[in-house]
Amino acid sequence: MHELAVCEAIAETVRGRAAGRSPARIQVRIGYLRQVVPDSLLFSWELLTADTDLEHCKLDIEHVPAVVACRICGNRTTLELPILVCGSCGTADVELVTGDEFDLASFDVVAT
C-alpha cells in the first residue's frame, strides 16, 4: 500500500514547515493519473497519525480530473479512463493539462 508512504511524506513535510506549531488541517491536490486511492490514503493517514502530534489533524483531498488538450483539433477532453487520447478526434497527439498533480496545497495551524 503506497498510500502509507505518501502519508509519511505528507506528515514529514508538514512537520518541517509548521515549525513547532500544531497543524489542524492539511489539504492535498491529487490528480486522477496518480493512482492514489482516496479512501486508502485517508485510512493510512489515520493509522500513521494515531497517538502522534498529528492525531487530530484532518487530511482533505481535492481530486483533480485528468484533462488533455488536443494538438490537432484544439479541443479539451476530461478523461474517464487513463488513456491519453482526444475525445473529439481520437488522436493521441495530446498534451496533459491536469491530472498528474500531487501537491501539498495548504495546511492550517492551531492559533496559540
N, C-alpha and C. Protein backbone atom coordinates (compact mmCIF):
# COMPACT_ATOMS: atom_id res chain seq x y z
N MET A 1 0.86 -1.17 0.00
CA MET A 1 0.00 0.00 0.00
C MET A 1 0.90 1.24 0.00
N HIS A 2 1.08 1.86 -1.16
CA HIS A 2 1.96 3.02 -1.24
C HIS A 2 1.34 4.27 -0.61
N GLU A 3 0.05 4.22 -0.31
CA GLU A 3 -0.60 5.36 0.34
C GLU A 3 0.01 5.66 1.70
N LEU A 4 0.49 4.63 2.41
CA LEU A 4 1.12 4.84 3.70
C LEU A 4 2.42 5.63 3.54
N ALA A 5 3.20 5.31 2.53
CA ALA A 5 4.43 6.06 2.26
C ALA A 5 4.12 7.50 1.86
N VAL A 6 3.04 7.69 1.13
CA VAL A 6 2.61 9.04 0.75
C VAL A 6 2.26 9.84 2.00
N CYS A 7 1.53 9.21 2.91
CA CYS A 7 1.15 9.89 4.16
C CYS A 7 2.38 10.23 5.00
N GLU A 8 3.36 9.35 5.02
CA GLU A 8 4.60 9.63 5.75
C GLU A 8 5.29 10.87 5.18
N ALA A 9 5.30 10.97 3.87
CA ALA A 9 5.92 12.13 3.23
C ALA A 9 5.14 13.41 3.54
N ILE A 10 3.82 13.33 3.52
CA ILE A 10 2.99 14.50 3.85
C ILE A 10 3.26 14.93 5.28
N ALA A 11 3.24 13.98 6.21
CA ALA A 11 3.46 14.29 7.63
C ALA A 11 4.84 14.91 7.86
N GLU A 12 5.85 14.35 7.23
CA GLU A 12 7.21 14.87 7.39
C GLU A 12 7.32 16.30 6.86
N THR A 13 6.73 16.54 5.71
CA THR A 13 6.77 17.88 5.11
C THR A 13 6.05 18.90 5.98
N VAL A 14 4.86 18.53 6.44
CA VAL A 14 4.07 19.45 7.26
C VAL A 14 4.78 19.74 8.58
N ARG A 15 5.32 18.71 9.21
CA ARG A 15 6.04 18.93 10.47
C ARG A 15 7.20 19.91 10.26
N GLY A 16 7.92 19.75 9.18
CA GLY A 16 9.04 20.64 8.90
C GLY A 16 8.62 22.07 8.66
N ARG A 17 7.53 22.25 7.94
CA ARG A 17 7.07 23.59 7.61
C ARG A 17 6.26 24.25 8.72
N ALA A 18 5.69 23.45 9.60
CA ALA A 18 4.87 24.00 10.68
C ALA A 18 5.73 24.65 11.76
N ALA A 19 7.00 24.33 11.79
CA ALA A 19 7.96 24.96 12.71
C ALA A 19 7.48 24.95 14.16
N GLY A 20 7.05 23.77 14.62
CA GLY A 20 6.65 23.64 16.01
C GLY A 20 5.20 23.96 16.30
N ARG A 21 4.50 24.54 15.34
CA ARG A 21 3.06 24.82 15.53
C ARG A 21 2.27 23.54 15.26
N SER A 22 1.05 23.49 15.77
CA SER A 22 0.22 22.29 15.62
C SER A 22 -0.68 22.39 14.40
N PRO A 23 -0.45 21.55 13.38
CA PRO A 23 -1.33 21.56 12.21
C PRO A 23 -2.71 21.03 12.57
N ALA A 24 -3.75 21.70 12.05
CA ALA A 24 -5.12 21.30 12.31
C ALA A 24 -5.77 20.67 11.07
N ARG A 25 -5.33 21.11 9.89
CA ARG A 25 -5.93 20.65 8.64
C ARG A 25 -4.88 20.74 7.53
N ILE A 26 -4.84 19.71 6.71
CA ILE A 26 -3.92 19.67 5.57
C ILE A 26 -4.75 19.42 4.32
N GLN A 27 -4.48 20.20 3.27
CA GLN A 27 -5.17 20.00 2.01
C GLN A 27 -4.16 19.56 0.95
N VAL A 28 -4.46 18.44 0.30
CA VAL A 28 -3.63 17.95 -0.79
C VAL A 28 -4.47 17.91 -2.06
N ARG A 29 -3.79 18.11 -3.19
CA ARG A 29 -4.42 18.02 -4.51
C ARG A 29 -3.82 16.81 -5.20
N ILE A 30 -4.69 15.87 -5.60
CA ILE A 30 -4.21 14.64 -6.21
C ILE A 30 -4.86 14.45 -7.56
N GLY A 31 -4.04 14.34 -8.59
CA GLY A 31 -4.53 14.14 -9.94
C GLY A 31 -5.01 12.72 -10.18
N TYR A 32 -5.94 12.61 -11.09
CA TYR A 32 -6.55 11.33 -11.46
C TYR A 32 -5.51 10.29 -11.86
N LEU A 33 -4.47 10.72 -12.55
CA LEU A 33 -3.48 9.77 -13.06
C LEU A 33 -2.45 9.33 -12.01
N ARG A 34 -2.52 9.84 -10.81
CA ARG A 34 -1.56 9.49 -9.75
C ARG A 34 -1.82 8.13 -9.12
N GLN A 35 -2.94 7.52 -9.41
CA GLN A 35 -3.28 6.20 -8.92
C GLN A 35 -3.20 6.10 -7.40
N VAL A 36 -3.73 7.11 -6.74
CA VAL A 36 -3.85 7.10 -5.28
C VAL A 36 -5.32 6.87 -4.96
N VAL A 37 -5.58 5.88 -4.13
CA VAL A 37 -6.95 5.58 -3.73
C VAL A 37 -7.29 6.45 -2.52
N PRO A 38 -8.22 7.41 -2.69
CA PRO A 38 -8.51 8.36 -1.61
C PRO A 38 -8.88 7.70 -0.28
N ASP A 39 -9.73 6.68 -0.31
CA ASP A 39 -10.11 6.01 0.94
C ASP A 39 -8.90 5.36 1.61
N SER A 40 -8.02 4.78 0.81
CA SER A 40 -6.80 4.17 1.36
C SER A 40 -5.88 5.23 1.94
N LEU A 41 -5.83 6.39 1.28
CA LEU A 41 -4.99 7.48 1.78
C LEU A 41 -5.51 7.97 3.12
N LEU A 42 -6.83 8.15 3.24
CA LEU A 42 -7.41 8.60 4.50
C LEU A 42 -7.23 7.56 5.60
N PHE A 43 -7.39 6.29 5.26
CA PHE A 43 -7.18 5.22 6.24
C PHE A 43 -5.73 5.20 6.70
N SER A 44 -4.81 5.33 5.75
CA SER A 44 -3.38 5.35 6.09
C SER A 44 -3.04 6.55 6.96
N TRP A 45 -3.68 7.69 6.68
CA TRP A 45 -3.44 8.89 7.48
C TRP A 45 -3.86 8.64 8.93
N GLU A 46 -5.01 8.03 9.12
CA GLU A 46 -5.49 7.73 10.47
C GLU A 46 -4.54 6.78 11.19
N LEU A 47 -4.06 5.75 10.49
CA LEU A 47 -3.12 4.81 11.09
C LEU A 47 -1.80 5.49 11.47
N LEU A 48 -1.28 6.27 10.55
CA LEU A 48 0.02 6.90 10.74
C LEU A 48 0.01 7.96 11.84
N THR A 49 -1.08 8.68 11.95
CA THR A 49 -1.11 9.80 12.89
C THR A 49 -1.67 9.45 14.26
N ALA A 50 -2.20 8.24 14.42
CA ALA A 50 -2.75 7.85 15.72
C ALA A 50 -1.68 7.96 16.79
N ASP A 51 -2.05 8.57 17.90
CA ASP A 51 -1.14 8.74 19.05
C ASP A 51 0.11 9.55 18.71
N THR A 52 -0.02 10.50 17.77
CA THR A 52 1.09 11.39 17.43
C THR A 52 0.61 12.84 17.55
N ASP A 53 1.52 13.76 17.29
CA ASP A 53 1.16 15.18 17.31
C ASP A 53 0.18 15.55 16.19
N LEU A 54 0.00 14.69 15.21
CA LEU A 54 -0.92 14.95 14.09
C LEU A 54 -2.23 14.18 14.21
N GLU A 55 -2.48 13.59 15.37
CA GLU A 55 -3.66 12.74 15.55
C GLU A 55 -4.97 13.46 15.21
N HIS A 56 -5.10 14.70 15.55
CA HIS A 56 -6.35 15.43 15.32
C HIS A 56 -6.30 16.30 14.06
N CYS A 57 -5.27 16.13 13.28
CA CYS A 57 -5.11 16.91 12.05
C CYS A 57 -5.90 16.23 10.93
N LYS A 58 -6.79 16.98 10.31
CA LYS A 58 -7.65 16.45 9.25
C LYS A 58 -6.94 16.54 7.90
N LEU A 59 -7.02 15.47 7.12
CA LEU A 59 -6.46 15.45 5.78
C LEU A 59 -7.61 15.61 4.78
N ASP A 60 -7.59 16.71 4.03
CA ASP A 60 -8.59 16.97 2.98
C ASP A 60 -7.96 16.69 1.63
N ILE A 61 -8.71 15.99 0.79
CA ILE A 61 -8.20 15.62 -0.53
C ILE A 61 -9.03 16.30 -1.61
N GLU A 62 -8.36 17.04 -2.47
CA GLU A 62 -9.02 17.62 -3.64
C GLU A 62 -8.65 16.76 -4.84
N HIS A 63 -9.65 16.22 -5.50
CA HIS A 63 -9.42 15.36 -6.66
C HIS A 63 -9.34 16.23 -7.92
N VAL A 64 -8.27 16.06 -8.69
CA VAL A 64 -8.07 16.84 -9.91
C VAL A 64 -8.28 15.92 -11.11
N PRO A 65 -9.25 16.22 -11.96
CA PRO A 65 -9.51 15.35 -13.11
C PRO A 65 -8.36 15.42 -14.13
N ALA A 66 -8.24 14.37 -14.91
CA ALA A 66 -7.26 14.35 -16.00
C ALA A 66 -7.89 15.02 -17.22
N VAL A 67 -7.24 16.06 -17.70
CA VAL A 67 -7.71 16.80 -18.87
C VAL A 67 -6.57 16.86 -19.88
N VAL A 68 -6.88 16.56 -21.13
CA VAL A 68 -5.90 16.68 -22.20
C VAL A 68 -6.35 17.72 -23.21
N ALA A 69 -5.36 18.38 -23.82
CA ALA A 69 -5.63 19.34 -24.89
C ALA A 69 -5.10 18.72 -26.19
N CYS A 70 -5.93 18.70 -27.20
CA CYS A 70 -5.57 18.10 -28.48
C CYS A 70 -4.73 19.08 -29.31
N ARG A 71 -3.62 18.60 -29.81
CA ARG A 71 -2.76 19.43 -30.66
C ARG A 71 -3.27 19.49 -32.10
N ILE A 72 -4.20 18.63 -32.44
CA ILE A 72 -4.74 18.59 -33.81
C ILE A 72 -6.00 19.45 -33.93
N CYS A 73 -7.02 19.16 -33.11
CA CYS A 73 -8.30 19.88 -33.26
C CYS A 73 -8.48 20.98 -32.21
N GLY A 74 -7.62 21.02 -31.19
CA GLY A 74 -7.68 22.09 -30.20
C GLY A 74 -8.68 21.87 -29.07
N ASN A 75 -9.45 20.80 -29.12
CA ASN A 75 -10.42 20.55 -28.06
C ASN A 75 -9.76 20.02 -26.79
N ARG A 76 -10.45 20.22 -25.69
CA ARG A 76 -10.01 19.66 -24.40
C ARG A 76 -10.97 18.55 -24.01
N THR A 77 -10.40 17.49 -23.44
CA THR A 77 -11.18 16.33 -23.05
C THR A 77 -10.86 15.98 -21.60
N THR A 78 -11.90 15.79 -20.80
CA THR A 78 -11.73 15.26 -19.45
C THR A 78 -11.80 13.74 -19.57
N LEU A 79 -10.75 13.08 -19.17
CA LEU A 79 -10.65 11.64 -19.35
C LEU A 79 -11.45 10.87 -18.31
N GLU A 80 -12.10 9.82 -18.77
CA GLU A 80 -12.79 8.91 -17.87
C GLU A 80 -11.96 7.66 -17.64
N LEU A 81 -11.05 7.38 -18.55
CA LEU A 81 -10.10 6.27 -18.44
C LEU A 81 -8.69 6.84 -18.58
N PRO A 82 -7.69 6.16 -18.04
CA PRO A 82 -6.32 6.68 -18.15
C PRO A 82 -5.69 6.42 -19.52
N ILE A 83 -6.42 6.81 -20.56
CA ILE A 83 -5.93 6.66 -21.94
C ILE A 83 -5.87 8.06 -22.53
N LEU A 84 -4.65 8.49 -22.88
CA LEU A 84 -4.44 9.86 -23.32
C LEU A 84 -4.76 10.01 -24.81
N VAL A 85 -6.05 10.21 -25.11
CA VAL A 85 -6.50 10.46 -26.47
C VAL A 85 -7.54 11.57 -26.45
N CYS A 86 -7.65 12.25 -27.57
CA CYS A 86 -8.65 13.30 -27.71
C CYS A 86 -10.04 12.68 -27.81
N GLY A 87 -10.96 13.21 -27.03
CA GLY A 87 -12.33 12.71 -27.06
C GLY A 87 -13.09 13.16 -28.29
N SER A 88 -12.57 14.16 -29.01
CA SER A 88 -13.26 14.67 -30.20
C SER A 88 -12.80 13.99 -31.47
N CYS A 89 -11.48 13.97 -31.71
CA CYS A 89 -10.98 13.43 -32.98
C CYS A 89 -10.26 12.10 -32.84
N GLY A 90 -10.00 11.66 -31.61
CA GLY A 90 -9.41 10.34 -31.39
C GLY A 90 -7.91 10.26 -31.49
N THR A 91 -7.22 11.36 -31.77
CA THR A 91 -5.78 11.31 -31.90
C THR A 91 -5.12 11.17 -30.51
N ALA A 92 -3.92 10.62 -30.54
CA ALA A 92 -3.12 10.52 -29.31
C ALA A 92 -2.15 11.70 -29.21
N ASP A 93 -2.24 12.63 -30.15
CA ASP A 93 -1.37 13.81 -30.14
C ASP A 93 -1.98 14.86 -29.22
N VAL A 94 -1.85 14.59 -27.92
CA VAL A 94 -2.47 15.45 -26.91
C VAL A 94 -1.42 15.85 -25.87
N GLU A 95 -1.75 16.91 -25.16
CA GLU A 95 -0.91 17.37 -24.06
C GLU A 95 -1.73 17.28 -22.77
N LEU A 96 -1.11 16.72 -21.73
CA LEU A 96 -1.79 16.61 -20.45
C LEU A 96 -1.84 18.00 -19.81
N VAL A 97 -3.04 18.48 -19.50
CA VAL A 97 -3.23 19.79 -18.90
C VAL A 97 -3.31 19.66 -17.38
N THR A 98 -4.12 18.74 -16.91
CA THR A 98 -4.23 18.47 -15.47
C THR A 98 -4.40 16.97 -15.27
N GLY A 99 -4.14 16.53 -14.05
CA GLY A 99 -4.36 15.13 -13.72
C GLY A 99 -3.14 14.42 -13.19
N ASP A 100 -1.98 15.09 -13.26
CA ASP A 100 -0.73 14.48 -12.78
C ASP A 100 -0.27 15.11 -11.46
N GLU A 101 -1.11 15.96 -10.88
CA GLU A 101 -0.73 16.70 -9.67
C GLU A 101 -0.62 15.78 -8.45
N PHE A 102 0.29 16.14 -7.61
CA PHE A 102 0.30 15.64 -6.23
C PHE A 102 0.93 16.76 -5.42
N ASP A 103 0.09 17.63 -4.91
CA ASP A 103 0.54 18.85 -4.25
C ASP A 103 0.07 18.92 -2.81
N LEU A 104 0.94 19.37 -1.96
CA LEU A 104 0.54 19.78 -0.62
C LEU A 104 0.08 21.22 -0.81
N ALA A 105 -1.21 21.41 -0.95
CA ALA A 105 -1.76 22.71 -1.32
C ALA A 105 -1.66 23.72 -0.17
N SER A 106 -2.03 23.28 1.03
CA SER A 106 -2.01 24.18 2.17
C SER A 106 -2.16 23.39 3.45
N PHE A 107 -1.85 24.06 4.56
CA PHE A 107 -2.21 23.50 5.84
C PHE A 107 -2.47 24.63 6.81
N ASP A 108 -3.38 24.38 7.73
CA ASP A 108 -3.76 25.34 8.74
C ASP A 108 -3.19 24.89 10.06
N VAL A 109 -2.77 25.85 10.87
CA VAL A 109 -2.24 25.52 12.20
C VAL A 109 -3.20 26.07 13.27
N VAL A 110 -3.13 25.46 14.43
CA VAL A 110 -3.94 25.90 15.55
C VAL A 110 -3.36 27.21 16.05
N ALA A 111 -4.23 28.23 16.21
CA ALA A 111 -3.78 29.52 16.74
C ALA A 111 -3.42 29.36 18.22
N THR A 112 -2.33 30.00 18.59
CA THR A 112 -1.91 29.92 20.00
C THR A 112 -2.14 31.22 20.71
